[in-house]
Protein backbone atom coordinates (compact mmCIF):
# COMPACT_ATOMS: atom_id res chain seq x y z
CA UNK A 1 -0.13 -0.05 0.12
CA UNK A 2 1.49 3.56 -1.06
CA UNK A 3 2.23 6.29 1.15
CA UNK A 4 -0.94 8.61 -0.20
CA UNK A 5 -3.03 5.62 0.22
CA UNK A 6 -2.34 5.02 3.82
CA UNK A 7 -2.94 8.65 4.75
CA UNK A 8 -6.35 8.29 2.78
CA UNK A 9 -7.09 5.70 4.82
CA UNK A 10 -6.07 7.26 7.93
CA UNK A 11 -7.94 10.54 7.42
CA UNK A 12 -10.96 8.51 6.68
CA UNK A 13 -10.71 7.22 10.32
CA UNK A 14 -9.79 3.51 9.12
CA UNK A 15 -7.62 1.43 10.99
CA UNK A 16 -3.96 1.24 9.74
CA UNK A 17 -3.88 -2.12 7.39
CA UNK A 18 -0.18 -2.73 8.12
CA UNK A 19 0.76 -5.35 10.36
CA UNK A 20 1.57 -3.68 13.75
CA UNK A 21 -0.50 -0.63 12.55
CA UNK A 22 -2.75 1.30 14.53
CA UNK A 23 -5.22 -1.21 14.12
CA UNK A 24 -4.19 -2.80 17.37
CA UNK A 25 -7.17 -2.61 20.02
CA UNK A 26 -6.82 -1.26 23.51
CA UNK A 27 -7.35 -4.76 24.81
CA UNK A 28 -4.41 -6.01 22.58
CA UNK A 29 -2.06 -3.63 23.97
CA UNK A 30 -3.23 -4.79 27.78
CA UNK A 31 -2.76 -8.18 27.10
CA UNK A 32 0.80 -7.46 25.57
CA UNK A 33 1.61 -5.74 28.64
CA UNK A 34 0.15 -8.30 30.97
CA UNK A 35 2.74 -10.96 29.31
CA UNK A 36 5.51 -8.75 29.32
CA UNK A 37 5.10 -8.31 33.18
CA UNK A 38 4.56 -12.20 33.57
CA UNK A 39 7.77 -12.77 31.64
CA UNK A 40 9.72 -9.93 33.30
CA UNK A 41 8.57 -10.73 36.84
CA UNK A 42 10.91 -13.80 37.54
CA UNK A 43 14.03 -12.18 36.58
CA UNK A 44 13.01 -9.02 38.44
CA UNK A 45 12.64 -11.17 41.58
CA UNK A 46 15.97 -12.93 40.83
CA UNK A 47 17.78 -9.88 40.50
CA UNK A 48 16.13 -8.52 43.86
CA UNK A 49 17.44 -11.75 45.34
CA UNK A 50 20.66 -11.31 44.07
CA UNK A 51 20.85 -7.86 46.17
CA UNK A 52 20.12 -9.78 49.74
CA UNK A 53 21.90 -11.29 52.57
CA UNK A 54 20.84 -14.61 53.03
CA UNK A 55 18.84 -13.93 56.33
CA UNK A 56 17.05 -11.11 54.32
CA UNK A 57 16.24 -13.40 51.46
CA UNK A 58 14.65 -15.62 54.11
CA UNK A 59 12.39 -12.84 55.45
CA UNK A 60 11.71 -11.43 52.11
CA UNK A 61 11.74 -13.61 49.26
CA UNK A 62 9.97 -11.35 46.64
CA UNK A 63 10.27 -7.93 47.36
CA UNK A 64 13.25 -5.70 46.59
CA UNK A 65 16.06 -5.72 48.81
CA UNK A 66 16.38 -3.21 51.85
CA UNK A 67 20.01 -2.96 52.26
CA UNK A 68 21.49 -4.22 48.49
CA UNK A 69 24.71 -6.25 48.72
CA UNK A 70 26.38 -5.84 45.59
CA UNK A 71 29.25 -7.74 46.73
CA UNK A 72 27.23 -10.76 46.09
CA UNK A 73 28.09 -10.77 42.26
CA UNK A 74 31.79 -10.67 43.07
CA UNK A 75 31.54 -13.50 45.57
CA UNK A 76 29.51 -15.57 43.33
CA UNK A 77 31.96 -14.77 40.41
CA UNK A 78 34.84 -16.01 42.41
CA UNK A 79 33.37 -18.66 44.20
CA UNK A 80 31.55 -20.33 41.49
CA UNK A 81 34.39 -20.12 38.95
CA UNK A 82 32.49 -18.28 36.43
CA UNK A 83 34.95 -16.76 34.00
CA UNK A 84 36.38 -20.06 33.25
CA UNK A 85 32.97 -21.32 33.22
CA UNK A 86 32.02 -18.98 30.50
CA UNK A 87 35.39 -19.39 28.71
CA UNK A 88 34.49 -23.12 28.68
CA UNK A 89 30.90 -22.59 27.58
CA UNK A 90 31.79 -20.23 24.65
CA UNK A 91 34.06 -22.81 23.13
CA UNK A 92 31.77 -25.63 23.65
CA UNK A 93 28.65 -23.48 22.24
CA UNK A 94 30.87 -22.14 19.16
CA UNK A 95 31.89 -25.74 17.90
CA UNK A 96 28.61 -27.27 18.69
CA UNK A 97 26.80 -24.76 16.65
CA UNK A 98 29.41 -24.87 13.56
CA UNK A 99 29.20 -28.86 13.94
CA UNK A 100 25.33 -28.68 14.11
CA UNK A 101 25.45 -26.79 11.01
CA UNK A 102 27.43 -28.66 8.90
CA UNK A 103 26.12 -32.22 9.74
CA UNK A 104 22.40 -31.14 9.68
CA UNK A 105 22.68 -28.98 6.62
CA UNK A 106 24.35 -31.48 4.55
CA UNK A 107 21.98 -33.98 5.92
CA UNK A 108 18.74 -31.72 5.25
CA UNK A 109 20.03 -30.96 1.55
CA UNK A 110 20.07 -34.91 0.97
CA UNK A 111 16.64 -35.18 2.26
CA UNK A 112 15.19 -32.30 0.93
CA UNK A 113 17.17 -32.24 -2.71
CA UNK A 114 18.27 -35.56 -3.78
CA UNK A 115 16.21 -38.69 -4.78
CA UNK A 116 17.01 -40.91 -1.82
CA UNK A 117 15.39 -44.50 -1.38
CA UNK A 118 13.44 -44.50 1.86
CA UNK A 119 13.24 -40.74 2.41
CA UNK A 120 10.08 -41.19 4.23
CA UNK A 121 11.82 -43.71 6.76
CA UNK A 122 14.55 -41.38 7.60
CA UNK A 123 12.41 -38.55 8.24
CA UNK A 124 10.31 -40.76 10.90
CA UNK A 125 13.42 -42.27 12.24
CA UNK A 126 14.60 -38.61 12.97
CA UNK A 127 11.15 -37.96 14.86
CA UNK A 128 11.51 -41.21 16.67
CA UNK A 129 15.22 -40.02 17.76
CA UNK A 130 13.74 -36.87 19.01
CA UNK A 131 11.18 -38.34 20.97
CA UNK A 132 13.53 -40.88 22.88
CA UNK A 133 14.55 -39.92 26.39
CA UNK A 134 18.50 -39.18 26.45
CA UNK A 135 18.98 -40.25 30.08
CA UNK A 136 18.56 -44.12 28.46
CA UNK A 137 22.17 -43.72 26.62
CA UNK A 138 24.04 -42.13 29.30
CA UNK A 139 25.55 -45.18 30.78
CA UNK A 140 26.58 -47.11 27.52
CA UNK A 141 27.55 -43.77 26.23
CA UNK A 142 29.83 -42.90 29.09
CA UNK A 143 31.52 -46.54 28.94
CA UNK A 144 32.19 -45.93 25.13
CA UNK A 145 33.61 -42.71 25.84
CA UNK A 146 35.94 -44.16 28.45
CA UNK A 147 36.99 -46.44 26.00
CA UNK A 148 37.81 -43.54 23.25
CA UNK A 149 39.25 -41.71 25.68
CA UNK A 150 36.83 -38.52 25.26
CA UNK A 151 35.80 -38.56 29.04
CA UNK A 152 36.67 -35.35 30.84
CA UNK A 153 37.67 -33.52 27.42
CA UNK A 154 35.42 -30.70 25.85
CA UNK A 155 35.40 -32.20 22.43
CA UNK A 156 33.74 -35.42 23.86
CA UNK A 157 31.05 -33.15 25.18
CA UNK A 158 30.77 -31.02 21.89
CA UNK A 159 30.21 -34.18 19.94
CA UNK A 160 27.49 -35.32 22.24
CA UNK A 161 25.97 -32.05 21.81
CA UNK A 162 26.28 -32.25 18.34
CA UNK A 163 24.58 -35.69 18.03
CA UNK A 164 21.73 -34.51 20.39
CA UNK A 165 20.81 -31.32 18.32
CA UNK A 166 21.20 -32.74 14.61
CA UNK A 167 17.99 -34.23 14.50
CA UNK A 168 15.99 -31.83 15.27
CA UNK A 169 18.07 -29.12 13.16
CA UNK A 170 17.93 -31.37 10.07
CA UNK A 171 13.99 -31.39 10.13
CA UNK A 172 13.99 -27.58 10.80
CA UNK A 173 16.41 -27.26 7.58
CA UNK A 174 14.69 -29.34 5.29
CA UNK A 175 11.41 -27.14 5.72
CA UNK A 176 13.40 -24.07 4.50
CA UNK A 177 15.13 -26.25 1.82
CA UNK A 178 12.06 -27.72 0.01
CA UNK A 179 10.98 -24.18 -0.65
CA UNK A 180 13.97 -23.29 -2.98
CA UNK A 181 13.43 -24.17 -6.43
CA UNK A 182 15.07 -27.13 -7.75
CA UNK A 183 15.94 -25.29 -11.01
CA UNK A 184 19.18 -23.53 -8.95
CA UNK A 185 20.64 -27.02 -8.09
CA UNK A 186 20.17 -27.78 -12.27
CA UNK A 187 21.74 -24.69 -13.17
CA UNK A 188 24.54 -25.23 -11.16
CA UNK A 189 24.96 -28.93 -12.14
CA UNK A 190 24.96 -27.68 -15.78
CA UNK A 191 28.03 -24.94 -14.54
CA UNK A 192 30.11 -27.80 -13.73
CA UNK A 193 29.49 -27.87 -9.84
CA UNK A 194 29.58 -31.06 -8.02
CA UNK A 195 26.90 -32.20 -5.40
CA UNK A 196 29.12 -30.56 -2.38
CA UNK A 197 29.66 -27.47 -4.23
CA UNK A 198 25.90 -27.22 -5.31
CA UNK A 199 24.84 -27.87 -1.37
CA UNK A 200 27.60 -25.54 0.20
CA UNK A 201 27.80 -22.73 -2.38
CA UNK A 202 24.48 -22.29 -3.78
CA UNK A 203 21.29 -24.00 -1.74
CA UNK A 204 22.51 -23.83 1.80
CA UNK A 205 23.45 -19.96 1.74
CA UNK A 206 19.80 -19.28 0.80
CA UNK A 207 18.95 -20.76 3.88
CA UNK A 208 20.48 -18.39 6.26
CA UNK A 209 17.31 -17.69 8.34
CA UNK A 210 16.87 -21.19 9.04
CA UNK A 211 20.71 -21.49 10.15
CA UNK A 212 20.39 -18.60 12.33
CA UNK A 213 17.27 -20.29 14.08
CA UNK A 214 19.23 -23.44 14.08
CA UNK A 215 22.21 -21.94 15.59
CA UNK A 216 20.25 -19.74 18.06
CA UNK A 217 18.11 -22.73 19.58
CA UNK A 218 21.26 -25.27 19.46
CA UNK A 219 23.47 -22.56 21.20
CA UNK A 220 20.84 -21.88 24.03
CA UNK A 221 20.37 -25.69 24.40
CA UNK A 222 24.51 -26.23 24.65
CA UNK A 223 24.24 -23.18 26.79
CA UNK A 224 22.39 -24.50 29.60
CA UNK A 225 22.50 -28.40 29.20
CA UNK A 226 23.56 -29.74 32.71
CA UNK A 227 23.07 -33.54 32.69
CA UNK A 228 25.85 -34.21 30.33
CA UNK A 229 28.13 -31.73 31.74
CA UNK A 230 28.11 -33.36 35.31
CA UNK A 231 28.54 -36.86 33.74
CA UNK A 232 30.94 -36.37 31.25
CA UNK A 233 33.68 -33.75 32.73
CA UNK A 234 35.12 -34.41 35.73
CA UNK A 235 37.75 -31.77 35.99
CA UNK A 236 36.66 -28.48 37.72
CA UNK A 237 38.63 -26.42 35.04
CA UNK A 238 36.45 -27.64 32.27
CA UNK A 239 33.39 -27.60 33.48
CA UNK A 240 30.65 -25.25 31.73
CA UNK A 241 28.97 -22.26 33.08
CA UNK A 242 25.57 -24.55 33.79
CA UNK A 243 27.46 -26.19 36.39
CA UNK A 244 28.25 -23.15 38.53
CA UNK A 245 25.24 -23.45 40.76
CA UNK A 246 26.71 -26.87 42.54
CA UNK A 247 29.72 -24.47 44.08
CA UNK A 248 26.91 -22.30 46.17
CA UNK A 249 26.76 -24.80 49.23
CA UNK A 250 27.81 -24.83 52.77
CA UNK A 251 27.08 -28.46 54.36
CA UNK A 252 23.58 -29.08 53.78
CA UNK A 253 22.84 -25.17 53.31
CA UNK A 254 22.34 -23.57 49.92
CA UNK A 255 23.55 -20.03 49.35
CA UNK A 256 20.43 -18.99 47.71
CA UNK A 257 21.73 -15.01 47.35
CA UNK A 258 24.63 -16.39 45.56
CA UNK A 259 22.53 -18.47 43.17
CA UNK A 260 20.50 -15.58 42.01
CA UNK A 261 23.50 -13.56 41.75
CA UNK A 262 25.03 -16.12 39.30
CA UNK A 263 21.82 -16.89 37.68
CA UNK A 264 21.53 -12.69 36.98
CA UNK A 265 25.10 -13.11 35.57
CA UNK A 266 24.63 -16.23 33.44
CA UNK A 267 21.27 -15.04 32.21
CA UNK A 268 22.27 -11.31 30.91
CA UNK A 269 24.54 -12.46 28.15
CA UNK A 270 21.19 -14.52 26.73
CA UNK A 271 19.05 -11.40 27.26
CA UNK A 272 21.22 -9.38 25.36
CA UNK A 273 21.83 -11.70 22.62
CA UNK A 274 17.98 -12.24 22.17
CA UNK A 275 17.28 -8.60 22.37
CA UNK A 276 19.52 -8.11 19.15
CA UNK A 277 18.60 -11.08 17.39
CA UNK A 278 14.95 -11.34 18.21
CA UNK A 279 13.66 -10.36 14.67
CA UNK A 280 15.73 -12.74 12.76
CA UNK A 281 15.02 -15.55 15.31
CA UNK A 282 11.26 -14.81 14.91
CA UNK A 283 11.32 -14.61 10.98
CA UNK A 284 12.90 -17.57 11.13
CA UNK A 285 10.69 -19.60 12.97
CA UNK A 286 7.77 -18.22 11.10
CA UNK A 287 9.03 -18.85 7.78
CA UNK A 288 9.78 -22.55 8.39
CA UNK A 289 7.25 -25.50 8.02
CA UNK A 290 5.67 -23.90 5.17
CA UNK A 291 5.91 -26.88 3.11
CA UNK A 292 6.01 -30.34 4.06
């Protein structure tokens, strides 16, 4: 719709026909504000509790702190080894995302663009794998990792995370790939490109919204995963950030004020990342699944 037409609509008193325009009713704004308050409330309470002493937290678990203890953040950083944990997690997340992009991208290309036998069976197999509880694989996988020398190594944990996230990533990327015209594949092959070049240089770059969505989902999953981390990593110097909360205890007592302080430190990078990339993330999810 042109600008002049839009102005005529507005002068005539009609609602703005654009998405997110003035056609939103006051009820819609009230609902949006309500959802925003509900979403922000736990974060605000967590920040309040991070500034309290243990005694004040027991007496006032929800309200703002009466005597803010800013030193809780420094103590949580030092006691929880957050600096080293963030470094280990950054390494894990980076290589997990890269590995998942490579494995899932090539597998999704094969399922969406090539004439494979039993293609429907592979897709069903991936759905079944996603539905299985990962806890059932921990014991046999641990003994296998011991034999391969991958226990207590970041690369061993990265391989596990890539394997866990690849089935979902394949199914998600496939929904993007099936929407790309196959004439592009044929033109690239006529120009002398082999199958790997067609996939890596022609088709997969066109699915950047899907790759970005996969990267965000997989990165967040690797950032917060705990069970495999505490099972396969024994050296405290190699533990990721998700295991930080195991350090805040004194005997049978949990230091909940330091737990909240560490939570704030851990959550802040995720909030910043999502604020910068929320449009691309939502657009990637919205544009997937339009074709089977």
